[in-house]
């Protein structure tokens, strides 16, 4: 019986890839296997993993925690970004300057009555005539047909509010008299800031004469109107101030919407002209307040939009590759 040799068999050809060994080769140049460790039992070759792609329904041969180098490059940065134009952002600030101008008009009315520069009769006549002119313009430029029933309904509501303010004026005159002037003015300034910050500027662009909602910003305006009214000299001055509040902070939003819908140019011109007139009126009262008003308008209208556009470049909105799948149509 022939005895089998214990020495390993030396191959002349690599059993894995067919490479022909030379006399000096100790390993295969293709598969890098050692020549002396080769056996006739060939392991089945491992299937190469398919290239990674954004496919969930197919086994790609990768581990669950596999992280492909193309993953970060497939992220879409700022996918929902739109090109922001400075002109568009400036137009958005006009609503804020409108609200600031209304507050400035209200404070000027208070100052004129408090300092006895103009009588309350003259002021309420100016406010009433201005409101009638704005109402007439509102009816002319309104794109919607206002029903007669709606007009009479709003007139009834307005008369009810005016009568309520007239009878509440003596109460508003005395309700805050016990507070010091500094406390009253400090609370009024805080409420004015609250009114401007928390004012829903977007809602004013969709309001109509049928909407009589009273939000927190309007309540803040009524509160600082009441506080300032308690510092006036008589009940009729308080009524004049509250009537001005009703026109400026309640009804003006309807007029502003119609002007804006009718002509954007008219709305811009109205804002610019009113801001210039108010600047000179405030400058006549106090030069410091006048220049503060001017700087505030410039800051809100020009500086804030440029600042916003500069900050927008640092906004990061990433969408992963699974959020943006590439649909593949499968043919039968």
C-alpha atoms as a PDB file:
ATOM      1  CA  UNK A   1       0.000   0.000   0.000  1.00  0.00           C
ATOM      2  CA  UNK A   2       1.396   3.336  -1.072  1.00  0.00           C
ATOM      3  CA  UNK A   3       1.885   5.795   1.783  1.00  0.00           C
ATOM      4  CA  UNK A   4       0.499   9.311   1.225  1.00  0.00           C
ATOM      5  CA  UNK A   5       3.067  12.072   1.528  1.00  0.00           C
ATOM      6  CA  UNK A   6       2.531  14.488   4.438  1.00  0.00           C
ATOM      7  CA  UNK A   7       4.096  17.364   2.552  1.00  0.00           C
ATOM      8  CA  UNK A   8       1.654  19.917   1.046  1.00  0.00           C
ATOM      9  CA  UNK A   9       1.185  19.761  -2.690  1.00  0.00           C
ATOM     10  CA  UNK A  10       2.894  22.535  -4.637  1.00  0.00           C
ATOM     11  CA  UNK A  11       0.682  24.002  -7.366  1.00  0.00           C
ATOM     12  CA  UNK A  12       2.000  25.172 -10.689  1.00  0.00           C
ATOM     13  CA  UNK A  13      -1.204  27.130 -11.319  1.00  0.00           C
ATOM     14  CA  UNK A  14      -3.311  29.086  -8.830  1.00  0.00           C
ATOM     15  CA  UNK A  15      -6.565  27.148  -8.351  1.00  0.00           C
ATOM     16  CA  UNK A  16      -8.447  30.406  -7.662  1.00  0.00           C
ATOM     17  CA  UNK A  17      -7.609  32.544 -10.676  1.00  0.00           C
ATOM     18  CA  UNK A  18      -5.391  30.355 -12.936  1.00  0.00           C
ATOM     19  CA  UNK A  19      -2.209  32.360 -12.463  1.00  0.00           C
ATOM     20  CA  UNK A  20       0.906  30.361 -13.578  1.00  0.00           C
ATOM     21  CA  UNK A  21       3.547  30.304 -10.877  1.00  0.00           C
ATOM     22  CA  UNK A  22       7.221  30.680 -11.663  1.00  0.00           C
ATOM     23  CA  UNK A  23       9.936  28.899  -9.759  1.00  0.00           C
ATOM     24  CA  UNK A  24      10.507  31.948  -7.586  1.00  0.00           C
ATOM     25  CA  UNK A  25       6.840  32.832  -6.812  1.00  0.00           C
ATOM     26  CA  UNK A  26       5.786  32.213  -3.227  1.00  0.00           C
ATOM     27  CA  UNK A  27       2.298  33.715  -3.618  1.00  0.00           C
ATOM     28  CA  UNK A  28      -0.186  34.501  -6.336  1.00  0.00           C
ATOM     29  CA  UNK A  29       0.263  37.935  -7.807  1.00  0.00           C
ATOM     30  CA  UNK A  30      -3.477  38.219  -8.484  1.00  0.00           C
ATOM     31  CA  UNK A  31      -5.226  36.952  -5.352  1.00  0.00           C
ATOM     32  CA  UNK A  32      -2.192  37.342  -3.036  1.00  0.00           C
ATOM     33  CA  UNK A  33      -2.669  33.869  -1.543  1.00  0.00           C
ATOM     34  CA  UNK A  34       0.388  31.988  -0.266  1.00  0.00           C
ATOM     35  CA  UNK A  35       1.387  29.227  -2.690  1.00  0.00           C
ATOM     36  CA  UNK A  36       2.220  26.707  -0.007  1.00  0.00           C
ATOM     37  CA  UNK A  37      -1.171  27.062   1.773  1.00  0.00           C
ATOM     38  CA  UNK A  38      -3.282  26.379  -1.305  1.00  0.00           C
ATOM     39  CA  UNK A  39      -5.480  23.295  -1.411  1.00  0.00           C
ATOM     40  CA  UNK A  40      -7.680  21.715  -4.010  1.00  0.00           C
ATOM     41  CA  UNK A  41     -10.722  22.734  -1.937  1.00  0.00           C
ATOM     42  CA  UNK A  42     -11.606  26.108  -3.435  1.00  0.00           C
ATOM     43  CA  UNK A  43     -13.793  28.453  -1.364  1.00  0.00           C
ATOM     44  CA  UNK A  44     -16.659  29.971  -3.299  1.00  0.00           C
ATOM     45  CA  UNK A  45     -15.882  33.588  -4.157  1.00  0.00           C
ATOM     46  CA  UNK A  46     -17.712  36.199  -2.131  1.00  0.00           C
ATOM     47  CA  UNK A  47     -20.206  38.268  -4.022  1.00  0.00           C
ATOM     48  CA  UNK A  48     -19.132  41.859  -4.317  1.00  0.00           C
ATOM     49  CA  UNK A  49     -21.519  44.339  -2.735  1.00  0.00           C
ATOM     50  CA  UNK A  50     -23.463  46.426  -5.151  1.00  0.00           C
ATOM     51  CA  UNK A  51     -22.843  50.114  -5.322  1.00  0.00           C
ATOM     52  CA  UNK A  52     -24.672  51.995  -2.586  1.00  0.00           C
ATOM     53  CA  UNK A  53     -27.736  53.887  -3.718  1.00  0.00           C
ATOM     54  CA  UNK A  54     -30.900  55.380  -2.244  1.00  0.00           C
ATOM     55  CA  UNK A  55     -32.942  52.181  -2.564  1.00  0.00           C
ATOM     56  CA  UNK A  56     -34.741  50.606   0.379  1.00  0.00           C
ATOM     57  CA  UNK A  57     -36.540  47.725  -1.314  1.00  0.00           C
ATOM     58  CA  UNK A  58     -33.417  45.924  -2.619  1.00  0.00           C
ATOM     59  CA  UNK A  59     -30.654  44.129  -0.718  1.00  0.00           C
ATOM     60  CA  UNK A  60     -27.431  45.869  -1.653  1.00  0.00           C
ATOM     61  CA  UNK A  61     -25.025  43.702   0.331  1.00  0.00           C
ATOM     62  CA  UNK A  62     -24.008  46.399   2.816  1.00  0.00           C
ATOM     63  CA  UNK A  63     -24.160  46.401   6.575  1.00  0.00           C
ATOM     64  CA  UNK A  64     -26.950  48.288   8.316  1.00  0.00           C
ATOM     65  CA  UNK A  65     -24.511  50.853   9.665  1.00  0.00           C
ATOM     66  CA  UNK A  66     -22.714  51.303   6.338  1.00  0.00           C
ATOM     67  CA  UNK A  67     -21.870  54.937   5.676  1.00  0.00           C
ATOM     68  CA  UNK A  68     -21.145  55.711   2.045  1.00  0.00           C
ATOM     69  CA  UNK A  69     -18.787  58.531   1.138  1.00  0.00           C
ATOM     70  CA  UNK A  70     -21.382  59.945  -1.250  1.00  0.00           C
ATOM     71  CA  UNK A  71     -23.954  60.342   1.541  1.00  0.00           C
ATOM     72  CA  UNK A  72     -22.981  63.896   2.477  1.00  0.00           C
ATOM     73  CA  UNK A  73     -22.731  64.963  -1.145  1.00  0.00           C
ATOM     74  CA  UNK A  74     -26.290  63.769  -1.694  1.00  0.00           C
ATOM     75  CA  UNK A  75     -27.629  66.072   0.995  1.00  0.00           C
ATOM     76  CA  UNK A  76     -29.479  69.027  -0.470  1.00  0.00           C
ATOM     77  CA  UNK A  77     -28.667  72.212   1.375  1.00  0.00           C
ATOM     78  CA  UNK A  78     -31.179  75.089   1.407  1.00  0.00           C
ATOM     79  CA  UNK A  79     -33.454  73.214  -0.940  1.00  0.00           C
ATOM     80  CA  UNK A  80     -36.420  75.427  -0.067  1.00  0.00           C
ATOM     81  CA  UNK A  81     -34.524  78.693  -0.252  1.00  0.00           C
ATOM     82  CA  UNK A  82     -35.917  81.403  -2.423  1.00  0.00           C
ATOM     83  CA  UNK A  83     -33.930  84.364  -3.607  1.00  0.00           C
ATOM     84  CA  UNK A  84     -34.742  87.174  -1.199  1.00  0.00           C
ATOM     85  CA  UNK A  85     -34.749  90.598  -2.767  1.00  0.00           C
ATOM     86  CA  UNK A  86     -34.115  93.697  -0.666  1.00  0.00           C
ATOM     87  CA  UNK A  87     -37.014  95.500  -2.290  1.00  0.00           C
ATOM     88  CA  UNK A  88     -39.472  92.766  -1.300  1.00  0.00           C
ATOM     89  CA  UNK A  89     -38.322  92.783   2.331  1.00  0.00           C
ATOM     90  CA  UNK A  90     -38.572  96.578   2.490  1.00  0.00           C
ATOM     91  CA  UNK A  91     -42.157  96.365   1.253  1.00  0.00           C
ATOM     92  CA  UNK A  92     -42.933  93.960   4.100  1.00  0.00           C
ATOM     93  CA  UNK A  93     -41.767  96.542   6.645  1.00  0.00           C
ATOM     94  CA  UNK A  94     -44.371  99.070   5.483  1.00  0.00           C
ATOM     95  CA  UNK A  95     -46.969  97.388   7.692  1.00  0.00           C
ATOM     96  CA  UNK A  96     -44.738  98.013  10.710  1.00  0.00           C
ATOM     97  CA  UNK A  97     -44.157 101.662   9.805  1.00  0.00           C
ATOM     98  CA  UNK A  98     -47.924 102.066   9.332  1.00  0.00           C
ATOM     99  CA  UNK A  99     -48.507 100.823  12.894  1.00  0.00           C
ATOM    100  CA  UNK A 100     -45.774 103.101  14.265  1.00  0.00           C
ATOM    101  CA  UNK A 101     -47.305 106.090  12.477  1.00  0.00           C
ATOM    102  CA  UNK A 102     -50.708 105.343  14.029  1.00  0.00           C
ATOM    103  CA  UNK A 103     -49.153 105.247  17.499  1.00  0.00           C
ATOM    104  CA  UNK A 104     -47.346 108.526  16.763  1.00  0.00           C
ATOM    105  CA  UNK A 105     -50.615 110.198  15.680  1.00  0.00           C
ATOM    106  CA  UNK A 106     -52.336 108.982  18.828  1.00  0.00           C
ATOM    107  CA  UNK A 107     -49.555 110.285  21.078  1.00  0.00           C
ATOM    108  CA  UNK A 108     -49.604 113.645  19.295  1.00  0.00           C
ATOM    109  CA  UNK A 109     -53.351 113.943  19.926  1.00  0.00           C
ATOM    110  CA  UNK A 110     -52.713 113.206  23.599  1.00  0.00           C
ATOM    111  CA  UNK A 111     -49.910 115.778  23.756  1.00  0.00           C
ATOM    112  CA  UNK A 112     -51.975 118.497  22.082  1.00  0.00           C
ATOM    113  CA  UNK A 113     -54.824 118.046  24.573  1.00  0.00           C
ATOM    114  CA  UNK A 114     -52.555 117.616  27.588  1.00  0.00           C
ATOM    115  CA  UNK A 115     -50.594 120.774  26.733  1.00  0.00           C
ATOM    116  CA  UNK A 116     -53.749 122.655  25.628  1.00  0.00           C
ATOM    117  CA  UNK A 117     -52.186 123.365  22.231  1.00  0.00           C
ATOM    118  CA  UNK A 118     -55.429 122.437  20.481  1.00  0.00           C
ATOM    119  CA  UNK A 119     -58.862 122.096  22.001  1.00  0.00           C
ATOM    120  CA  UNK A 120     -60.581 118.751  22.166  1.00  0.00           C
ATOM    121  CA  UNK A 121     -63.363 120.087  19.933  1.00  0.00           C
ATOM    122  CA  UNK A 122     -60.928 120.844  17.121  1.00  0.00           C
ATOM    123  CA  UNK A 123     -59.168 117.518  17.511  1.00  0.00           C
ATOM    124  CA  UNK A 124     -62.321 115.402  17.523  1.00  0.00           C
ATOM    125  CA  UNK A 125     -63.567 117.331  14.485  1.00  0.00           C
ATOM    126  CA  UNK A 126     -60.315 116.600  12.638  1.00  0.00           C
ATOM    127  CA  UNK A 127     -60.467 112.918  13.591  1.00  0.00           C
ATOM    128  CA  UNK A 128     -64.135 112.655  12.600  1.00  0.00           C
ATOM    129  CA  UNK A 129     -63.674 114.408   9.243  1.00  0.00           C
ATOM    130  CA  UNK A 130     -60.592 112.316   8.474  1.00  0.00           C
ATOM    131  CA  UNK A 131     -62.485 109.124   9.286  1.00  0.00           C
ATOM    132  CA  UNK A 132     -65.368 110.166   7.019  1.00  0.00           C
ATOM    133  CA  UNK A 133     -62.968 110.889   4.160  1.00  0.00           C
ATOM    134  CA  UNK A 134     -61.262 107.529   4.642  1.00  0.00           C
ATOM    135  CA  UNK A 135     -64.653 105.794   4.748  1.00  0.00           C
ATOM    136  CA  UNK A 136     -65.650 107.464   1.486  1.00  0.00           C
ATOM    137  CA  UNK A 137     -62.363 106.402  -0.120  1.00  0.00           C
ATOM    138  CA  UNK A 138     -62.845 102.904   1.251  1.00  0.00           C
ATOM    139  CA  UNK A 139     -66.214 102.591  -0.484  1.00  0.00           C
ATOM    140  CA  UNK A 140     -64.796 103.933  -3.766  1.00  0.00           C
ATOM    141  CA  UNK A 141     -61.661 101.780  -3.998  1.00  0.00           C
ATOM    142  CA  UNK A 142     -63.162  98.628  -2.505  1.00  0.00           C
ATOM    143  CA  UNK A 143     -63.160  95.761  -4.995  1.00  0.00           C
ATOM    144  CA  UNK A 144     -65.961  93.983  -3.171  1.00  0.00           C
ATOM    145  CA  UNK A 145     -69.545  95.135  -3.327  1.00  0.00           C
ATOM    146  CA  UNK A 146     -70.577  96.237   0.156  1.00  0.00           C
ATOM    147  CA  UNK A 147     -74.180  95.419   0.872  1.00  0.00           C
ATOM    148  CA  UNK A 148     -76.453  98.056   2.357  1.00  0.00           C
ATOM    149  CA  UNK A 149     -77.314  95.671   5.162  1.00  0.00           C
ATOM    150  CA  UNK A 150     -73.638  95.362   6.072  1.00  0.00           C
ATOM    151  CA  UNK A 151     -73.214  99.149   6.063  1.00  0.00           C
ATOM    152  CA  UNK A 152     -76.140  99.722   8.436  1.00  0.00           C
ATOM    153  CA  UNK A 153     -74.975  96.869  10.639  1.00  0.00           C
ATOM    154  CA  UNK A 154     -71.519  98.416  10.981  1.00  0.00           C
ATOM    155  CA  UNK A 155     -73.019 101.867  11.613  1.00  0.00           C
ATOM    156  CA  UNK A 156     -75.078 100.430  14.473  1.00  0.00           C
ATOM    157  CA  UNK A 157     -72.012  98.781  15.961  1.00  0.00           C
ATOM    158  CA  UNK A 158     -69.995 101.976  15.632  1.00  0.00           C
ATOM    159  CA  UNK A 159     -72.686 104.084  17.290  1.00  0.00           C
ATOM    160  CA  UNK A 160     -72.900 101.564  20.108  1.00  0.00           C
ATOM    161  CA  UNK A 161     -69.123 101.716  20.658  1.00  0.00           C
ATOM    162  CA  UNK A 162     -69.066 105.520  20.523  1.00  0.00           C
ATOM    163  CA  UNK A 163     -71.904 105.774  23.055  1.00  0.00           C
ATOM    164  CA  UNK A 164     -70.189 103.230  25.299  1.00  0.00           C
ATOM    165  CA  UNK A 165     -66.949 105.216  25.180  1.00  0.00           C
ATOM    166  CA  UNK A 166     -68.824 108.445  25.893  1.00  0.00           C
ATOM    167  CA  UNK A 167     -70.449 107.062  29.041  1.00  0.00           C
ATOM    168  CA  UNK A 168     -67.256 105.299  30.123  1.00  0.00           C
ATOM    169  CA  UNK A 169     -65.129 108.440  29.772  1.00  0.00           C
ATOM    170  CA  UNK A 170     -65.822 109.738  33.329  1.00  0.00           C
ATOM    171  CA  UNK A 171     -64.882 106.329  34.701  1.00  0.00           C
ATOM    172  CA  UNK A 172     -61.701 106.185  32.640  1.00  0.00           C
ATOM    173  CA  UNK A 173     -60.851 109.675  33.873  1.00  0.00           C
ATOM    174  CA  UNK A 174     -60.881 108.673  37.538  1.00  0.00           C
ATOM    175  CA  UNK A 175     -59.980 104.965  37.494  1.00  0.00           C
ATOM    176  CA  UNK A 176     -56.221 105.564  37.341  1.00  0.00           C
ATOM    177  CA  UNK A 177     -55.927 108.917  39.097  1.00  0.00           C
ATOM    178  CA  UNK A 178     -54.440 107.314  42.204  1.00  0.00           C
ATOM    179  CA  UNK A 179     -51.390 106.145  40.270  1.00  0.00           C
ATOM    180  CA  UNK A 180     -48.389 108.428  39.892  1.00  0.00           C
ATOM    181  CA  UNK A 181     -47.710 109.989  36.515  1.00  0.00           C
ATOM    182  CA  UNK A 182     -44.394 108.169  36.163  1.00  0.00           C
ATOM    183  CA  UNK A 183     -46.083 104.819  36.788  1.00  0.00           C
ATOM    184  CA  UNK A 184     -48.833 105.583  34.285  1.00  0.00           C
ATOM    185  CA  UNK A 185     -46.422 106.676  31.570  1.00  0.00           C
ATOM    186  CA  UNK A 186     -44.137 103.682  32.181  1.00  0.00           C
ATOM    187  CA  UNK A 187     -47.078 101.280  31.864  1.00  0.00           C
ATOM    188  CA  UNK A 188     -48.238 103.084  28.733  1.00  0.00           C
ATOM    189  CA  UNK A 189     -44.806 102.782  27.106  1.00  0.00           C
ATOM    190  CA  UNK A 190     -44.696  99.080  27.960  1.00  0.00           C
ATOM    191  CA  UNK A 191     -48.157  98.521  26.492  1.00  0.00           C
ATOM    192  CA  UNK A 192     -47.229 100.451  23.329  1.00  0.00           C
ATOM    193  CA  UNK A 193     -44.197  98.204  22.853  1.00  0.00           C
ATOM    194  CA  UNK A 194     -46.384  95.147  23.502  1.00  0.00           C
ATOM    195  CA  UNK A 195     -48.908  96.428  20.963  1.00  0.00           C
ATOM    196  CA  UNK A 196     -46.258  96.862  18.251  1.00  0.00           C
ATOM    197  CA  UNK A 197     -44.429  93.585  18.892  1.00  0.00           C
ATOM    198  CA  UNK A 198     -47.424  91.255  19.198  1.00  0.00           C
ATOM    199  CA  UNK A 199     -49.529  92.891  16.528  1.00  0.00           C
ATOM    200  CA  UNK A 200     -50.675  90.387  13.905  1.00  0.00           C
ATOM    201  CA  UNK A 201     -49.586  92.262  10.792  1.00  0.00           C
ATOM    202  CA  UNK A 202     -50.475  89.417   8.427  1.00  0.00           C
ATOM    203  CA  UNK A 203     -54.062  89.208   9.701  1.00  0.00           C
ATOM    204  CA  UNK A 204     -54.671  92.849   8.766  1.00  0.00           C
ATOM    205  CA  UNK A 205     -54.054  91.981   5.132  1.00  0.00           C
ATOM    206  CA  UNK A 206     -56.981  89.538   5.130  1.00  0.00           C
ATOM    207  CA  UNK A 207     -59.493  91.315   7.369  1.00  0.00           C
ATOM    208  CA  UNK A 208     -62.813  92.629   6.088  1.00  0.00           C
ATOM    209  CA  UNK A 209     -65.635  94.789   7.377  1.00  0.00           C
ATOM    210  CA  UNK A 210     -67.307  91.619   8.645  1.00  0.00           C
ATOM    211  CA  UNK A 211     -64.405  90.882  10.992  1.00  0.00           C
ATOM    212  CA  UNK A 212     -64.754  92.476  14.392  1.00  0.00           C
ATOM    213  CA  UNK A 213     -62.237  90.388  16.289  1.00  0.00           C
ATOM    214  CA  UNK A 214     -60.377  91.959  19.189  1.00  0.00           C
ATOM    215  CA  UNK A 215     -56.925  90.484  19.757  1.00  0.00           C
ATOM    216  CA  UNK A 216     -54.368  91.046  22.496  1.00  0.00           C
ATOM    217  CA  UNK A 217     -52.660  93.844  20.548  1.00  0.00           C
ATOM    218  CA  UNK A 218     -55.920  95.815  20.301  1.00  0.00           C
ATOM    219  CA  UNK A 219     -56.585  95.239  24.006  1.00  0.00           C
ATOM    220  CA  UNK A 220     -53.110  96.590  24.778  1.00  0.00           C
ATOM    221  CA  UNK A 221     -53.901  99.683  22.689  1.00  0.00           C
ATOM    222  CA  UNK A 222     -57.132 100.187  24.621  1.00  0.00           C
ATOM    223  CA  UNK A 223     -55.254  99.752  27.910  1.00  0.00           C
ATOM    224  CA  UNK A 224     -52.625 102.416  27.218  1.00  0.00           C
ATOM    225  CA  UNK A 225     -55.366 104.683  25.846  1.00  0.00           C
ATOM    226  CA  UNK A 226     -57.155 104.368  29.184  1.00  0.00           C
ATOM    227  CA  UNK A 227     -53.964 105.010  31.140  1.00  0.00           C
ATOM    228  CA  UNK A 228     -53.147 108.121  29.133  1.00  0.00           C
ATOM    229  CA  UNK A 229     -56.767 109.282  29.272  1.00  0.00           C
ATOM    230  CA  UNK A 230     -56.604 109.428  33.056  1.00  0.00           C
ATOM    231  CA  UNK A 231     -53.906 112.119  32.765  1.00  0.00           C
ATOM    232  CA  UNK A 232     -56.149 114.512  30.785  1.00  0.00           C
ATOM    233  CA  UNK A 233     -58.017 117.494  32.163  1.00  0.00           C
ATOM    234  CA  UNK A 234     -61.702 116.696  31.582  1.00  0.00           C
ATOM    235  CA  UNK A 235     -64.101 113.967  30.502  1.00  0.00           C
ATOM    236  CA  UNK A 236     -64.542 115.250  26.956  1.00  0.00           C
ATOM    237  CA  UNK A 237     -60.804 115.056  26.362  1.00  0.00           C
ATOM    238  CA  UNK A 238     -60.885 111.443  27.540  1.00  0.00           C
ATOM    239  CA  UNK A 239     -63.727 110.731  25.120  1.00  0.00           C
ATOM    240  CA  UNK A 240     -61.772 112.386  22.291  1.00  0.00           C
ATOM    241  CA  UNK A 241     -58.752 110.228  23.048  1.00  0.00           C
ATOM    242  CA  UNK A 242     -60.822 107.023  23.206  1.00  0.00           C
ATOM    243  CA  UNK A 243     -62.620 107.957  19.994  1.00  0.00           C
ATOM    244  CA  UNK A 244     -59.223 108.435  18.347  1.00  0.00           C
ATOM    245  CA  UNK A 245     -58.235 104.990  19.630  1.00  0.00           C
ATOM    246  CA  UNK A 246     -61.333 103.497  17.992  1.00  0.00           C
ATOM    247  CA  UNK A 247     -60.527 105.072  14.624  1.00  0.00           C
ATOM    248  CA  UNK A 248     -56.766 104.538  14.615  1.00  0.00           C
ATOM    249  CA  UNK A 249     -56.385 101.078  16.108  1.00  0.00           C
ATOM    250  CA  UNK A 250     -59.629  99.438  15.052  1.00  0.00           C
ATOM    251  CA  UNK A 251     -61.073 100.843  11.837  1.00  0.00           C
ATOM    252  CA  UNK A 252     -57.813 101.832  10.144  1.00  0.00           C
ATOM    253  CA  UNK A 253     -56.898  98.193   9.459  1.00  0.00           C
ATOM    254  CA  UNK A 254     -59.875  97.854   7.078  1.00  0.00           C
ATOM    255  CA  UNK A 255     -58.884 101.012   5.229  1.00  0.00           C
ATOM    256  CA  UNK A 256     -55.235  99.935   5.022  1.00  0.00           C
ATOM    257  CA  UNK A 257     -56.160  96.600   3.462  1.00  0.00           C
ATOM    258  CA  UNK A 258     -58.254  98.222   0.737  1.00  0.00           C
ATOM    259  CA  UNK A 259     -55.570 100.795  -0.067  1.00  0.00           C
ATOM    260  CA  UNK A 260     -52.950  98.061  -0.278  1.00  0.00           C
ATOM    261  CA  UNK A 261     -55.134  95.881  -2.520  1.00  0.00           C
ATOM    262  CA  UNK A 262     -56.075  98.815  -4.729  1.00  0.00           C
ATOM    263  CA  UNK A 263     -52.557 100.086  -5.402  1.00  0.00           C
ATOM    264  CA  UNK A 264     -49.242  99.179  -3.835  1.00  0.00           C
ATOM    265  CA  UNK A 265     -47.787 102.452  -5.073  1.00  0.00           C
ATOM    266  CA  UNK A 266     -50.538 104.401  -3.319  1.00  0.00           C
ATOM    267  CA  UNK A 267     -49.883 102.452  -0.124  1.00  0.00           C
ATOM    268  CA  UNK A 268     -46.140 103.202  -0.297  1.00  0.00           C
ATOM    269  CA  UNK A 269     -46.770 106.874  -1.023  1.00  0.00           C
ATOM    270  CA  UNK A 270     -49.260 107.106   1.841  1.00  0.00           C
ATOM    271  CA  UNK A 271     -46.692 105.631   4.238  1.00  0.00           C
ATOM    272  CA  UNK A 272     -43.894 107.891   3.045  1.00  0.00           C
ATOM    273  CA  UNK A 273     -45.918 111.114   3.120  1.00  0.00           C
ATOM    274  CA  UNK A 274     -47.406 110.374   6.539  1.00  0.00           C
ATOM    275  CA  UNK A 275     -43.954 109.518   7.932  1.00  0.00           C
ATOM    276  CA  UNK A 276     -42.488 112.799   6.664  1.00  0.00           C
ATOM    277  CA  UNK A 277     -45.394 114.863   8.046  1.00  0.00           C
ATOM    278  CA  UNK A 278     -45.202 113.090  11.401  1.00  0.00           C
ATOM    279  CA  UNK A 279     -41.443 113.658  11.566  1.00  0.00           C
ATOM    280  CA  UNK A 280     -41.857 117.432  11.313  1.00  0.00           C
ATOM    281  CA  UNK A 281     -44.793 117.414  13.735  1.00  0.00           C
ATOM    282  CA  UNK A 282     -42.813 115.440  16.325  1.00  0.00           C
ATOM    283  CA  UNK A 283     -39.753 117.602  15.656  1.00  0.00           C
ATOM    284  CA  UNK A 284     -41.846 120.636  16.565  1.00  0.00           C
ATOM    285  CA  UNK A 285     -42.659 119.014  19.907  1.00  0.00           C
ATOM    286  CA  UNK A 286     -39.197 117.637  20.705  1.00  0.00           C
ATOM    287  CA  UNK A 287     -36.098 117.500  18.539  1.00  0.00           C
ATOM    288  CA  UNK A 288     -34.814 114.416  20.352  1.00  0.00           C
ATOM    289  CA  UNK A 289     -38.070 112.517  19.825  1.00  0.00           C
ATOM    290  CA  UNK A 290     -38.204 113.702  16.223  1.00  0.00           C
ATOM    291  CA  UNK A 291     -34.782 112.345  15.359  1.00  0.00           C
ATOM    292  CA  UNK A 292     -35.484 109.146  17.308  1.00  0.00           C
ATOM    293  CA  UNK A 293     -38.616 108.696  15.209  1.00  0.00           C
ATOM    294  CA  UNK A 294     -36.615 109.280  12.022  1.00  0.00           C
ATOM    295  CA  UNK A 295     -33.845 106.882  13.044  1.00  0.00           C
ATOM    296  CA  UNK A 296     -36.426 104.274  14.033  1.00  0.00           C
ATOM    297  CA  UNK A 297     -38.115 104.498  10.649  1.00  0.00           C
ATOM    298  CA  UNK A 298     -34.783 104.214   8.822  1.00  0.00           C
ATOM    299  CA  UNK A 299     -33.697 101.289  10.996  1.00  0.00           C
ATOM    300  CA  UNK A 300     -36.921  99.335  10.452  1.00  0.00           C
ATOM    301  CA  UNK A 301     -37.277 100.152   6.752  1.00  0.00           C
ATOM    302  CA  UNK A 302     -33.675  99.731   5.561  1.00  0.00           C
ATOM    303  CA  UNK A 303     -31.313  98.363   8.236  1.00  0.00           C
ATOM    304  CA  UNK A 304     -33.507  95.464   9.382  1.00  0.00           C
ATOM    305  CA  UNK A 305     -34.112  94.088   5.840  1.00  0.00           C
ATOM    306  CA  UNK A 306     -30.378  94.172   5.038  1.00  0.00           C
ATOM    307  CA  UNK A 307     -29.624  92.542   8.384  1.00  0.00           C
ATOM    308  CA  UNK A 308     -32.205  89.830   7.696  1.00  0.00           C
ATOM    309  CA  UNK A 309     -30.744  89.057   4.265  1.00  0.00           C
ATOM    310  CA  UNK A 310     -27.240  88.894   5.763  1.00  0.00           C
ATOM    311  CA  UNK A 311     -28.386  86.471   8.479  1.00  0.00           C
ATOM    312  CA  UNK A 312     -30.256  84.338   5.974  1.00  0.00           C
ATOM    313  CA  UNK A 313     -27.010  83.106   4.452  1.00  0.00           C
ATOM    314  CA  UNK A 314     -26.293  81.230   7.688  1.00  0.00           C
ATOM    315  CA  UNK A 315     -29.592  79.405   7.614  1.00  0.00           C
ATOM    316  CA  UNK A 316     -29.110  75.674   7.198  1.00  0.00           C
ATOM    317  CA  UNK A 317     -31.918  73.468   5.972  1.00  0.00           C
ATOM    318  CA  UNK A 318     -30.748  69.953   5.143  1.00  0.00           C
ATOM    319  CA  UNK A 319     -32.791  67.289   3.412  1.00  0.00           C
ATOM    320  CA  UNK A 320     -31.491  63.729   3.623  1.00  0.00           C
ATOM    321  CA  UNK A 321     -31.233  61.423   0.602  1.00  0.00           C
ATOM    322  CA  UNK A 322     -34.252  59.478   1.799  1.00  0.00           C
ATOM    323  CA  UNK A 323     -36.343  62.672   1.820  1.00  0.00           C
ATOM    324  CA  UNK A 324     -35.651  63.243  -1.859  1.00  0.00           C
ATOM    325  CA  UNK A 325     -36.076  59.814  -3.501  1.00  0.00           C
ATOM    326  CA  UNK A 326     -35.443  59.328  -7.152  1.00  0.00           C
ATOM    327  CA  UNK A 327     -38.360  57.453  -8.619  1.00  0.00           C
ATOM    328  CA  UNK A 328     -37.506  54.565 -10.935  1.00  0.00           C
ATOM    329  CA  UNK A 329     -40.123  53.209 -13.271  1.00  0.00           C
ATOM    330  CA  UNK A 330     -40.072  49.398 -13.264  1.00  0.00           C
ATOM    331  CA  UNK A 331     -41.018  47.726 -16.519  1.00  0.00           C
ATOM    332  CA  UNK A 332     -42.792  44.396 -16.479  1.00  0.00           C
END
